[in-house]
Amino acid sequence: MVVAVVLALGAGLTLSLVLAVVGVLLLIAAPRLARALGGVHRGLAAGLLGDRTAAPPPFRRGEGLGGRLDARLRDGTGWRAAGYVLAKLPAGARSVRTPCCGGSRVR
């Protein structure tokens, strides 16, 4: 009985630590992925609408491991792009549901 409790607690702690590490990695990668998606959206706007939007300033890397992590987390342009992608998500989901120009009626 005691062994089962210790194993369950150990498994819970291990799972918590693994999820925390994955969460931190996603937090660090989010601005970079959002910048890439922003570039895709700028390309779509240029191709479909003829609207040429200037690219944001390039990302400036820091010195050393801590500096690189700090610069990644303080990337204001990347976080703005992440906010844009999150704001655009409901409209994207709606367009996937109704790919036709006619769409469907909302009730």
C-alpha atoms as a PDB file:
ATOM      1  CA  MET A   1       0.000   0.000   0.000  1.00  0.00           C
ATOM      2  CA  VAL A   2       2.780   2.446   0.930  1.00  0.00           C
ATOM      3  CA  VAL A   3       4.677   1.574  -2.238  1.00  0.00           C
ATOM      4  CA  ALA A   4       1.618   2.380  -4.369  1.00  0.00           C
ATOM      5  CA  VAL A   5       1.235   5.777  -2.684  1.00  0.00           C
ATOM      6  CA  VAL A   6       4.914   6.612  -3.160  1.00  0.00           C
ATOM      7  CA  LEU A   7       4.775   5.546  -6.828  1.00  0.00           C
ATOM      8  CA  ALA A   8       1.622   7.598  -7.417  1.00  0.00           C
ATOM      9  CA  LEU A   9       3.181  10.684  -5.816  1.00  0.00           C
ATOM     10  CA  GLY A  10       6.371  10.194  -7.814  1.00  0.00           C
ATOM     11  CA  ALA A  11       4.433   9.830 -11.058  1.00  0.00           C
ATOM     12  CA  GLY A  12       2.431  12.973 -10.273  1.00  0.00           C
ATOM     13  CA  LEU A  13       5.575  14.965  -9.523  1.00  0.00           C
ATOM     14  CA  THR A  14       7.267  13.707 -12.681  1.00  0.00           C
ATOM     15  CA  LEU A  15       4.271  14.601 -14.822  1.00  0.00           C
ATOM     16  CA  SER A  16       4.114  18.083 -13.249  1.00  0.00           C
ATOM     17  CA  LEU A  17       7.777  18.736 -13.940  1.00  0.00           C
ATOM     18  CA  VAL A  18       7.557  17.498 -17.521  1.00  0.00           C
ATOM     19  CA  LEU A  19       4.517  19.697 -18.218  1.00  0.00           C
ATOM     20  CA  ALA A  20       6.256  22.695 -16.634  1.00  0.00           C
ATOM     21  CA  VAL A  21       9.309  22.238 -18.855  1.00  0.00           C
ATOM     22  CA  VAL A  22       7.120  21.866 -21.960  1.00  0.00           C
ATOM     23  CA  GLY A  23       5.192  24.997 -20.955  1.00  0.00           C
ATOM     24  CA  VAL A  24       8.377  27.045 -20.550  1.00  0.00           C
ATOM     25  CA  LEU A  25       9.644  25.845 -23.932  1.00  0.00           C
ATOM     26  CA  LEU A  26       6.356  26.835 -25.575  1.00  0.00           C
ATOM     27  CA  LEU A  27       6.517  30.220 -23.864  1.00  0.00           C
ATOM     28  CA  ILE A  28       9.995  30.793 -25.263  1.00  0.00           C
ATOM     29  CA  ALA A  29       9.037  29.601 -28.764  1.00  0.00           C
ATOM     30  CA  ALA A  30       5.750  31.543 -28.997  1.00  0.00           C
ATOM     31  CA  PRO A  31       7.156  34.903 -30.199  1.00  0.00           C
ATOM     32  CA  ARG A  32       9.309  33.224 -32.848  1.00  0.00           C
ATOM     33  CA  LEU A  33       6.381  31.186 -34.194  1.00  0.00           C
ATOM     34  CA  ALA A  34       4.119  34.236 -34.110  1.00  0.00           C
ATOM     35  CA  ARG A  35       6.671  36.265 -36.105  1.00  0.00           C
ATOM     36  CA  ALA A  36       6.681  33.507 -38.725  1.00  0.00           C
ATOM     37  CA  LEU A  37       2.877  33.473 -38.903  1.00  0.00           C
ATOM     38  CA  GLY A  38       2.888  37.268 -39.170  1.00  0.00           C
ATOM     39  CA  GLY A  39       5.169  36.921 -42.196  1.00  0.00           C
ATOM     40  CA  VAL A  40       2.712  34.463 -43.723  1.00  0.00           C
ATOM     41  CA  HIS A  41      -0.138  36.926 -43.175  1.00  0.00           C
ATOM     42  CA  ARG A  42       1.894  39.781 -44.698  1.00  0.00           C
ATOM     43  CA  GLY A  43       2.563  37.579 -47.727  1.00  0.00           C
ATOM     44  CA  LEU A  44      -1.133  36.743 -48.063  1.00  0.00           C
ATOM     45  CA  ALA A  45      -2.074  40.426 -47.841  1.00  0.00           C
ATOM     46  CA  ALA A  46       0.524  41.276 -50.475  1.00  0.00           C
ATOM     47  CA  GLY A  47      -0.602  38.530 -52.828  1.00  0.00           C
ATOM     48  CA  LEU A  48      -4.354  38.832 -52.425  1.00  0.00           C
ATOM     49  CA  LEU A  49      -4.827  42.538 -51.753  1.00  0.00           C
ATOM     50  CA  GLY A  50      -1.693  44.058 -53.215  1.00  0.00           C
ATOM     51  CA  ASP A  51      -1.005  45.599 -49.800  1.00  0.00           C
ATOM     52  CA  ARG A  52       2.737  45.757 -49.193  1.00  0.00           C
ATOM     53  CA  THR A  53       3.463  46.055 -45.489  1.00  0.00           C
ATOM     54  CA  ALA A  54       7.000  46.578 -44.279  1.00  0.00           C
ATOM     55  CA  ALA A  55       8.497  43.750 -42.268  1.00  0.00           C
ATOM     56  CA  PRO A  56       9.093  44.431 -38.560  1.00  0.00           C
ATOM     57  CA  PRO A  57      12.623  45.055 -37.350  1.00  0.00           C
ATOM     58  CA  PRO A  58      14.675  41.871 -37.121  1.00  0.00           C
ATOM     59  CA  PHE A  59      15.018  40.065 -33.835  1.00  0.00           C
ATOM     60  CA  ARG A  60      18.140  41.050 -31.869  1.00  0.00           C
ATOM     61  CA  ARG A  61      19.760  38.172 -30.055  1.00  0.00           C
ATOM     62  CA  GLY A  62      21.341  38.644 -26.661  1.00  0.00           C
ATOM     63  CA  GLU A  63      24.757  37.509 -25.514  1.00  0.00           C
ATOM     64  CA  GLY A  64      25.033  34.156 -23.757  1.00  0.00           C
ATOM     65  CA  LEU A  65      22.262  31.744 -22.854  1.00  0.00           C
ATOM     66  CA  GLY A  66      20.571  34.028 -20.332  1.00  0.00           C
ATOM     67  CA  GLY A  67      20.735  36.992 -22.686  1.00  0.00           C
ATOM     68  CA  ARG A  68      19.190  35.011 -25.518  1.00  0.00           C
ATOM     69  CA  LEU A  69      16.342  33.813 -23.310  1.00  0.00           C
ATOM     70  CA  ASP A  70      15.791  37.320 -21.978  1.00  0.00           C
ATOM     71  CA  ALA A  71      15.753  38.790 -25.476  1.00  0.00           C
ATOM     72  CA  ARG A  72      13.298  36.125 -26.673  1.00  0.00           C
ATOM     73  CA  LEU A  73      10.897  36.797 -23.799  1.00  0.00           C
ATOM     74  CA  ARG A  74      11.183  40.599 -24.230  1.00  0.00           C
ATOM     75  CA  ASP A  75      10.531  40.543 -27.978  1.00  0.00           C
ATOM     76  CA  GLY A  76       7.694  43.069 -28.164  1.00  0.00           C
ATOM     77  CA  THR A  77       7.166  42.585 -31.885  1.00  0.00           C
ATOM     78  CA  GLY A  78       6.867  38.838 -31.405  1.00  0.00           C
ATOM     79  CA  TRP A  79       4.317  39.204 -28.612  1.00  0.00           C
ATOM     80  CA  ARG A  80       2.271  41.667 -30.696  1.00  0.00           C
ATOM     81  CA  ALA A  81       2.302  39.117 -33.503  1.00  0.00           C
ATOM     82  CA  ALA A  82       1.166  36.451 -31.024  1.00  0.00           C
ATOM     83  CA  GLY A  83      -1.704  38.698 -29.943  1.00  0.00           C
ATOM     84  CA  TYR A  84      -2.673  39.232 -33.574  1.00  0.00           C
ATOM     85  CA  VAL A  85      -2.641  35.497 -34.268  1.00  0.00           C
ATOM     86  CA  LEU A  86      -4.798  34.840 -31.191  1.00  0.00           C
ATOM     87  CA  ALA A  87      -7.222  37.611 -32.169  1.00  0.00           C
ATOM     88  CA  LYS A  88      -7.413  36.214 -35.700  1.00  0.00           C
ATOM     89  CA  LEU A  89      -8.124  32.665 -34.479  1.00  0.00           C
ATOM     90  CA  PRO A  90     -11.957  32.955 -34.268  1.00  0.00           C
ATOM     91  CA  ALA A  91     -12.154  34.431 -37.766  1.00  0.00           C
ATOM     92  CA  GLY A  92      -9.898  31.676 -39.089  1.00  0.00           C
ATOM     93  CA  ALA A  93     -12.053  29.011 -37.473  1.00  0.00           C
ATOM     94  CA  ARG A  94     -15.135  30.584 -39.012  1.00  0.00           C
ATOM     95  CA  SER A  95     -13.547  30.639 -42.489  1.00  0.00           C
ATOM     96  CA  VAL A  96     -12.587  26.962 -42.221  1.00  0.00           C
ATOM     97  CA  ARG A  97     -16.167  26.111 -41.335  1.00  0.00           C
ATOM     98  CA  THR A  98     -17.591  28.069 -44.284  1.00  0.00           C
ATOM     99  CA  PRO A  99     -15.033  27.987 -47.095  1.00  0.00           C
ATOM    100  CA  CYS A 100     -17.575  29.006 -49.713  1.00  0.00           C
ATOM    101  CA  CYS A 101     -18.333  32.631 -50.503  1.00  0.00           C
ATOM    102  CA  GLY A 102     -21.998  32.134 -49.638  1.00  0.00           C
ATOM    103  CA  GLY A 103     -21.322  30.846 -46.154  1.00  0.00           C
ATOM    104  CA  SER A 104     -24.045  29.582 -43.884  1.00  0.00           C
ATOM    105  CA  ARG A 105     -26.648  31.373 -41.892  1.00  0.00           C
ATOM    106  CA  VAL A 106     -25.927  32.001 -38.241  1.00  0.00           C
ATOM    107  CA  ARG A 107     -28.897  31.231 -36.054  1.00  0.00           C
END
